[in-house]
Amino acid sequence: MIRRSAHRAVLLLAALALAGRVAAQEPDVGDAKVSHNRDIVASTEWLASHLDSVGVSVIHVGRTDSLYRVGHIPGARFLLLSAVATTVGELTNEFPAPAQLVATFRDLGVGGSGNIVIYGDDAGILAARAWVALDLLGHGNRAAVLDGGLVKWRAENRLVETTVRTATPRPFTGQWRADRIVNASWVRSHLRDSTVAFIDARSADQFNGAEPPCPPSHPACPQIPPERRGHLPGAGNVFWMNALVSAQNPVLRSMHFLHEELWVPSGADRGPVTTVATYCRTGMQASHAYFVARYIGYRDVRLYDGSFIEWAGLPVAQYPVEAGRP
């Protein structure tokens, strides 16, 4: 009985901590389509005051561990990006099988309860990718992306360490949300579905076809011929970087700006729309857009992980492309 009571107390403390991990912001704007999900973003102030708290895990995501070894938030455990973005067949940056993702987070030692705070080497895509992986496993509501990441943490002269933390595996299970990942066939069958809003997270020039999806010098990226450049028919464009103040200050813009200035014009709030599906070049930028859409509070958000690189390589007649602005 004593052990059960102690366990309940830990869970209660974790829940109370979760409820307060976001810095004060403007009140929610009343809108029937969204119910803002602010708890999936953590402030540096909250994390600094909870680093030593029971039930708080910090994850640093990187393509290699070189920057992690230079300096990371105290206690952070390292997650290699390839654990949540790997090559499947000819497609890069795909999610591994659910069992493999479960094993990854088990070995990171995040356990089955408590808060998880994520940041990465870049302005936000890496952290968002790891958050989406947790969301697909049913743990999105207890995970948060660190607003501003390590850039903001360092700018505030907060403590960093170089000690490589060895994780102790802890039991971790997942309930895979297969409905939140869609493929090219699903996209094709919903192109004319007025209840689905497709959101392209690439830059405007890639969206309208003026710029190729991959730089010519990129050896691992398939080159798309000019006639296949552009976007999914009817898609809206929300460049993922526009959700941030700047690359140098990678803090999310205000909730009002994100919703009213970025996502409403994209068509995500059109009357019949009930589902938002994000895509980009290979699924990475789309992961950030997926995260922001969930943060804003869209109820049914999905990710086309194969994204435009897959779509543009499929038969033209069945998988059409539009160029120019909608």
Protein backbone atom coordinates (compact mmCIF):
# COMPACT_ATOMS: atom_id res chain seq x y z
CA MET A 1 0.00 0.00 0.00
CA ILE A 2 2.83 2.40 0.82
CA ARG A 3 4.48 1.73 -2.53
CA ARG A 4 1.20 2.31 -4.40
CA SER A 5 0.64 5.58 -2.56
CA ALA A 6 4.14 6.74 -3.38
CA HIS A 7 3.64 5.83 -7.03
CA ARG A 8 0.37 7.79 -7.15
CA ALA A 9 2.12 10.76 -5.57
CA VAL A 10 4.83 10.71 -8.23
CA LEU A 11 2.20 10.59 -10.99
CA LEU A 12 0.30 13.47 -9.39
CA LEU A 13 3.44 15.59 -9.15
CA ALA A 14 4.26 14.83 -12.79
CA ALA A 15 0.75 15.85 -13.85
CA LEU A 16 0.96 19.10 -11.91
CA ALA A 17 4.36 19.81 -13.43
CA LEU A 18 3.02 19.10 -16.91
CA ALA A 19 0.21 21.60 -16.44
CA GLY A 20 2.65 24.40 -15.73
CA ARG A 21 5.46 23.80 -18.15
CA VAL A 22 4.42 26.47 -20.65
CA ALA A 23 5.26 30.13 -20.17
CA ALA A 24 2.27 32.48 -19.79
CA GLN A 25 0.81 33.47 -23.16
CA GLU A 26 -2.18 35.34 -24.51
CA PRO A 27 -5.61 33.78 -23.85
CA ASP A 28 -6.98 31.28 -26.34
CA VAL A 29 -8.97 32.73 -29.20
CA GLY A 30 -12.39 31.12 -29.32
CA ASP A 31 -12.62 28.89 -32.39
CA ALA A 32 -14.75 25.80 -32.82
CA LYS A 33 -12.12 24.10 -35.00
CA VAL A 34 -9.24 24.13 -32.50
CA SER A 35 -8.57 23.76 -28.81
CA HIS A 36 -5.01 24.96 -28.28
CA ASN A 37 -2.66 22.25 -27.02
CA ARG A 38 -0.09 24.43 -25.26
CA ASP A 39 1.35 21.69 -23.05
CA ILE A 40 3.34 20.14 -25.92
CA VAL A 41 5.70 23.13 -25.79
CA ALA A 42 7.98 23.62 -22.78
CA SER A 43 9.67 26.88 -21.83
CA THR A 44 13.33 27.09 -20.85
CA GLU A 45 12.22 28.62 -17.54
CA TRP A 46 10.07 25.59 -16.73
CA LEU A 47 12.78 23.11 -17.69
CA ALA A 48 15.45 24.94 -15.68
CA SER A 49 13.30 24.66 -12.57
CA HIS A 50 12.47 20.97 -13.16
CA LEU A 51 15.80 19.49 -14.28
CA ASP A 52 16.16 17.59 -11.01
CA SER A 53 12.50 16.65 -10.74
CA VAL A 54 11.40 13.03 -10.58
CA GLY A 55 9.70 11.99 -13.78
CA VAL A 56 11.27 14.57 -16.13
CA SER A 57 13.37 13.19 -19.01
CA VAL A 58 15.32 15.40 -21.42
CA ILE A 59 16.23 14.21 -24.93
CA HIS A 60 18.82 15.80 -27.24
CA VAL A 61 18.36 14.81 -30.90
CA GLY A 62 21.18 14.99 -33.43
CA ARG A 63 22.36 13.53 -36.73
CA THR A 64 25.58 12.65 -34.88
CA ASP A 65 26.53 13.08 -31.24
CA SER A 66 29.29 15.63 -31.97
CA LEU A 67 27.32 18.69 -30.86
CA TYR A 68 25.89 16.79 -27.90
CA ARG A 69 29.42 16.11 -26.71
CA VAL A 70 30.36 19.78 -27.09
CA GLY A 71 27.64 20.74 -24.63
CA HIS A 72 24.07 19.77 -23.76
CA ILE A 73 21.41 20.48 -21.17
CA PRO A 74 22.37 18.75 -17.92
CA GLY A 75 20.99 15.23 -17.74
CA ALA A 76 19.94 15.10 -21.40
CA ARG A 77 20.13 11.73 -23.10
CA PHE A 78 21.17 11.54 -26.74
CA LEU A 79 18.86 10.29 -29.50
CA LEU A 80 20.32 9.67 -32.94
CA LEU A 81 18.05 11.11 -35.64
CA SER A 82 18.25 7.91 -37.68
CA ALA A 83 16.31 6.18 -34.88
CA VAL A 84 13.21 8.19 -35.92
CA ALA A 85 14.05 8.96 -39.57
CA THR A 86 15.52 6.07 -41.52
CA THR A 87 15.61 4.76 -45.09
CA VAL A 88 12.78 2.39 -46.03
CA GLY A 89 13.12 1.00 -49.53
CA GLU A 90 14.06 3.98 -51.71
CA LEU A 91 12.55 6.57 -49.37
CA THR A 92 14.66 8.49 -46.89
CA ASN A 93 13.56 9.93 -43.55
CA GLU A 94 10.80 7.41 -42.90
CA PHE A 95 9.65 6.26 -39.47
CA PRO A 96 10.95 2.81 -38.53
CA ALA A 97 8.57 0.01 -37.61
CA PRO A 98 6.56 0.67 -34.42
CA ALA A 99 8.35 -2.10 -32.49
CA GLN A 100 11.68 -0.52 -33.32
CA LEU A 101 10.48 2.90 -32.11
CA VAL A 102 9.23 1.34 -28.87
CA ALA A 103 12.65 -0.26 -28.35
CA THR A 104 14.36 3.09 -29.00
CA PHE A 105 12.42 4.93 -26.30
CA ARG A 106 12.66 1.97 -23.93
CA ASP A 107 16.44 2.08 -24.24
CA LEU A 108 16.43 5.86 -23.70
CA GLY A 109 14.91 5.21 -20.30
CA VAL A 110 11.95 7.58 -20.56
CA GLY A 111 9.64 5.00 -19.00
CA GLY A 112 5.89 4.83 -19.32
CA SER A 113 4.96 7.98 -17.39
CA GLY A 114 6.30 11.42 -16.54
CA ASN A 115 7.30 14.37 -18.73
CA ILE A 116 9.61 14.25 -21.75
CA VAL A 117 11.24 17.45 -23.03
CA ILE A 118 12.92 17.33 -26.44
CA TYR A 119 15.34 19.62 -28.26
CA GLY A 120 17.80 19.12 -31.11
CA ASP A 121 20.86 20.38 -32.93
CA ASP A 122 18.84 22.54 -35.33
CA ALA A 123 16.10 25.18 -35.15
CA GLY A 124 13.37 22.67 -34.38
CA ILE A 125 12.87 19.99 -37.03
CA LEU A 126 14.84 17.29 -35.20
CA ALA A 127 12.97 17.79 -31.94
CA ALA A 128 9.64 17.86 -33.78
CA ARG A 129 10.46 14.59 -35.53
CA ALA A 130 11.13 12.87 -32.20
CA TRP A 131 7.93 14.37 -30.76
CA VAL A 132 5.89 13.05 -33.68
CA ALA A 133 7.38 9.58 -33.12
CA LEU A 134 6.17 9.71 -29.51
CA ASP A 135 2.78 11.01 -30.63
CA LEU A 136 2.41 8.10 -33.04
CA LEU A 137 3.10 5.78 -30.10
CA GLY A 138 0.43 7.47 -27.98
CA HIS A 139 2.79 9.51 -25.78
CA GLY A 140 2.47 12.93 -27.42
CA ASN A 141 0.53 14.46 -24.55
CA ARG A 142 3.32 13.85 -22.05
CA ALA A 143 6.08 15.05 -24.37
CA ALA A 144 7.02 18.64 -25.24
CA VAL A 145 9.41 20.42 -27.58
CA LEU A 146 11.68 22.91 -25.81
CA ASP A 147 10.75 26.36 -27.14
CA GLY A 148 13.88 27.94 -28.57
CA GLY A 149 15.89 24.79 -27.98
CA LEU A 150 19.54 24.82 -27.01
CA VAL A 151 19.98 28.18 -28.75
CA LYS A 152 17.67 29.92 -26.28
CA TRP A 153 19.03 27.88 -23.37
CA ARG A 154 22.59 29.05 -24.11
CA ALA A 155 21.49 32.64 -24.81
CA GLU A 156 20.09 32.74 -21.29
CA ASN A 157 23.49 31.63 -19.93
CA ARG A 158 22.02 28.46 -18.48
CA LEU A 159 24.22 25.58 -17.42
CA VAL A 160 25.39 23.01 -20.00
CA GLU A 161 27.47 19.89 -19.49
CA THR A 162 29.67 17.63 -21.61
CA THR A 163 29.14 14.45 -19.63
CA VAL A 164 27.76 11.69 -21.84
CA ARG A 165 24.73 10.31 -20.05
CA THR A 166 24.21 6.56 -20.22
CA ALA A 167 20.54 5.72 -20.25
CA THR A 168 19.09 2.89 -18.21
CA PRO A 169 16.36 1.08 -20.16
CA ARG A 170 12.92 1.27 -18.56
CA PRO A 171 9.65 -0.44 -19.55
CA PHE A 172 7.95 1.45 -22.37
CA THR A 173 4.95 0.44 -24.45
CA GLY A 174 3.16 2.17 -27.30
CA GLN A 175 -0.25 2.18 -28.91
CA TRP A 176 0.57 2.80 -32.57
CA ARG A 177 -1.64 5.42 -34.23
CA ALA A 178 -1.51 4.06 -37.76
CA ASP A 179 -4.23 6.50 -38.84
CA ARG A 180 -1.86 9.45 -38.32
CA ILE A 181 0.57 8.30 -41.04
CA VAL A 182 -0.75 8.27 -44.60
CA ASN A 183 0.69 6.97 -47.86
CA ALA A 184 0.48 8.03 -51.50
CA SER A 185 -2.63 5.92 -52.14
CA TRP A 186 -4.47 7.60 -49.26
CA VAL A 187 -3.41 11.03 -50.51
CA ARG A 188 -4.52 10.25 -54.06
CA SER A 189 -7.93 9.07 -52.86
CA HIS A 190 -8.46 12.27 -50.84
CA LEU A 191 -7.20 14.91 -53.28
CA ARG A 192 -10.74 16.01 -54.08
CA ASP A 193 -12.03 15.45 -50.56
CA SER A 194 -13.24 18.81 -49.25
CA THR A 195 -12.86 17.58 -45.65
CA VAL A 196 -9.07 17.23 -46.03
CA ALA A 197 -6.62 20.16 -46.16
CA PHE A 198 -3.18 19.26 -47.52
CA ILE A 199 -0.46 21.53 -46.14
CA ASP A 200 2.94 21.77 -47.83
CA ALA A 201 5.68 22.73 -45.33
CA ARG A 202 8.34 23.62 -47.91
CA SER A 203 9.45 27.07 -48.98
CA ALA A 204 7.24 29.05 -51.37
CA ASP A 205 9.70 28.58 -54.25
CA GLN A 206 9.63 24.80 -53.89
CA PHE A 207 5.88 24.85 -53.45
CA ASN A 208 5.30 26.79 -56.69
CA GLY A 209 7.91 24.83 -58.65
CA ALA A 210 10.38 27.67 -59.19
CA GLU A 211 13.03 25.78 -57.24
CA PRO A 212 13.81 22.04 -57.43
CA PRO A 213 13.00 20.01 -54.31
CA CYS A 214 16.68 19.08 -53.91
CA PRO A 215 19.85 21.07 -54.58
CA PRO A 216 21.62 19.71 -57.69
CA SER A 217 24.66 18.96 -55.53
CA HIS A 218 22.66 16.73 -53.14
CA PRO A 219 23.91 13.20 -53.93
CA ALA A 220 21.25 11.25 -52.03
CA CYS A 221 18.20 13.15 -53.25
CA PRO A 222 16.40 12.15 -56.46
CA GLN A 223 16.32 14.94 -58.98
CA ILE A 224 12.80 15.91 -60.03
CA PRO A 225 12.29 17.02 -63.66
CA PRO A 226 10.84 20.53 -64.10
CA GLU A 227 7.45 19.26 -65.24
CA ARG A 228 7.02 17.38 -61.94
CA ARG A 229 7.95 20.28 -59.67
CA GLY A 230 5.28 22.03 -57.67
CA HIS A 231 2.79 20.75 -55.10
CA LEU A 232 -0.16 18.47 -54.52
CA PRO A 233 -3.28 19.77 -56.29
CA GLY A 234 -5.22 22.10 -54.02
CA ALA A 235 -2.58 22.13 -51.27
CA GLY A 236 -1.91 25.15 -49.07
CA ASN A 237 1.58 26.37 -48.21
CA VAL A 238 2.86 26.95 -44.66
CA PHE A 239 6.68 27.09 -44.74
CA TRP A 240 7.77 25.50 -41.48
CA MET A 241 10.34 28.23 -40.72
CA ASN A 242 7.58 30.85 -40.69
CA ALA A 243 6.38 29.37 -37.41
CA LEU A 244 9.59 30.63 -35.75
CA VAL A 245 10.68 34.15 -34.86
CA SER A 246 13.89 33.53 -36.88
CA ALA A 247 16.59 30.94 -37.47
CA GLN A 248 18.77 32.81 -34.98
CA ASN A 249 15.94 33.00 -32.44
CA PRO A 250 14.06 29.72 -33.02
CA VAL A 251 11.19 30.46 -30.65
CA LEU A 252 7.65 29.74 -31.81
CA ARG A 253 5.57 32.73 -32.80
CA SER A 254 2.51 33.55 -30.70
CA MET A 255 -0.42 31.17 -30.84
CA HIS A 256 -2.56 33.87 -32.45
CA PHE A 257 0.01 34.41 -35.22
CA LEU A 258 0.44 30.69 -35.86
CA HIS A 259 -3.26 30.08 -36.14
CA GLU A 260 -4.72 33.25 -37.61
CA GLU A 261 -1.81 34.48 -39.75
CA LEU A 262 -0.29 31.21 -40.96
CA TRP A 263 -2.74 28.33 -40.82
CA VAL A 264 -6.11 29.97 -41.44
CA PRO A 265 -4.92 31.41 -44.82
CA SER A 266 -3.65 27.94 -45.79
CA GLY A 267 -7.20 26.61 -45.86
CA ALA A 268 -6.96 24.48 -42.72
CA ASP A 269 -10.02 26.23 -41.23
CA ARG A 270 -12.28 26.00 -44.27
CA GLY A 271 -15.83 25.07 -43.33
CA PRO A 272 -15.88 21.40 -44.37
CA VAL A 273 -12.28 20.59 -43.31
CA THR A 274 -11.95 18.01 -40.54
CA THR A 275 -8.50 16.57 -41.37
CA VAL A 276 -5.15 18.30 -41.86
CA ALA A 277 -2.45 16.34 -43.71
CA THR A 278 1.10 17.73 -43.82
CA TYR A 279 3.85 16.89 -46.30
CA CYS A 280 7.13 18.38 -47.57
CA ARG A 281 10.11 16.97 -49.46
CA THR A 282 10.86 13.83 -47.41
CA GLY A 283 8.72 14.19 -44.29
CA MET A 284 11.05 16.16 -42.00
CA GLN A 285 9.68 19.69 -42.49
CA ALA A 286 6.23 18.12 -42.50
CA SER A 287 6.96 16.70 -39.05
CA HIS A 288 7.43 20.24 -37.73
CA ALA A 289 4.21 21.32 -39.45
CA TYR A 290 2.41 18.32 -37.95
CA PHE A 291 3.69 19.31 -34.50
CA VAL A 292 2.58 22.94 -34.94
CA ALA A 293 -0.84 21.82 -36.19
CA ARG A 294 -1.25 19.69 -33.05
CA TYR A 295 -0.02 22.61 -30.93
CA ILE A 296 -2.61 24.92 -32.49
CA GLY A 297 -5.15 22.24 -31.72
CA TYR A 298 -6.40 20.77 -34.99
CA ARG A 299 -8.17 17.60 -33.96
CA ASP A 300 -7.24 15.23 -36.81
CA VAL A 301 -3.68 15.76 -38.06
CA ARG A 302 -1.88 13.33 -40.35
CA LEU A 303 1.59 13.11 -41.90
CA TYR A 304 2.41 11.98 -45.44
CA ASP A 305 5.87 10.68 -44.63
CA GLY A 306 6.84 9.74 -48.19
CA SER A 307 6.00 13.33 -49.16
CA PHE A 308 6.78 15.04 -52.46
CA ILE A 309 9.88 13.04 -53.35
CA GLU A 310 7.77 9.90 -53.43
CA TRP A 311 4.76 11.57 -55.08
CA ALA A 312 6.75 13.17 -57.93
CA GLY A 313 8.30 9.82 -58.81
CA LEU A 314 4.95 8.09 -59.27
CA PRO A 315 2.96 7.85 -62.57
CA VAL A 316 1.90 11.28 -63.80
CA ALA A 317 -1.67 10.39 -64.71
CA GLN A 318 -2.56 8.99 -61.29
CA TYR A 319 -0.42 11.32 -59.17
CA PRO A 320 -0.79 14.86 -60.55
CA VAL A 321 1.24 17.93 -59.61
CA GLU A 322 0.31 21.60 -59.70
CA ALA A 323 2.75 24.48 -60.15
CA GLY A 324 2.37 28.12 -59.24
CA ARG A 325 0.49 29.60 -56.32
CA PRO A 326 -3.03 28.36 -55.57
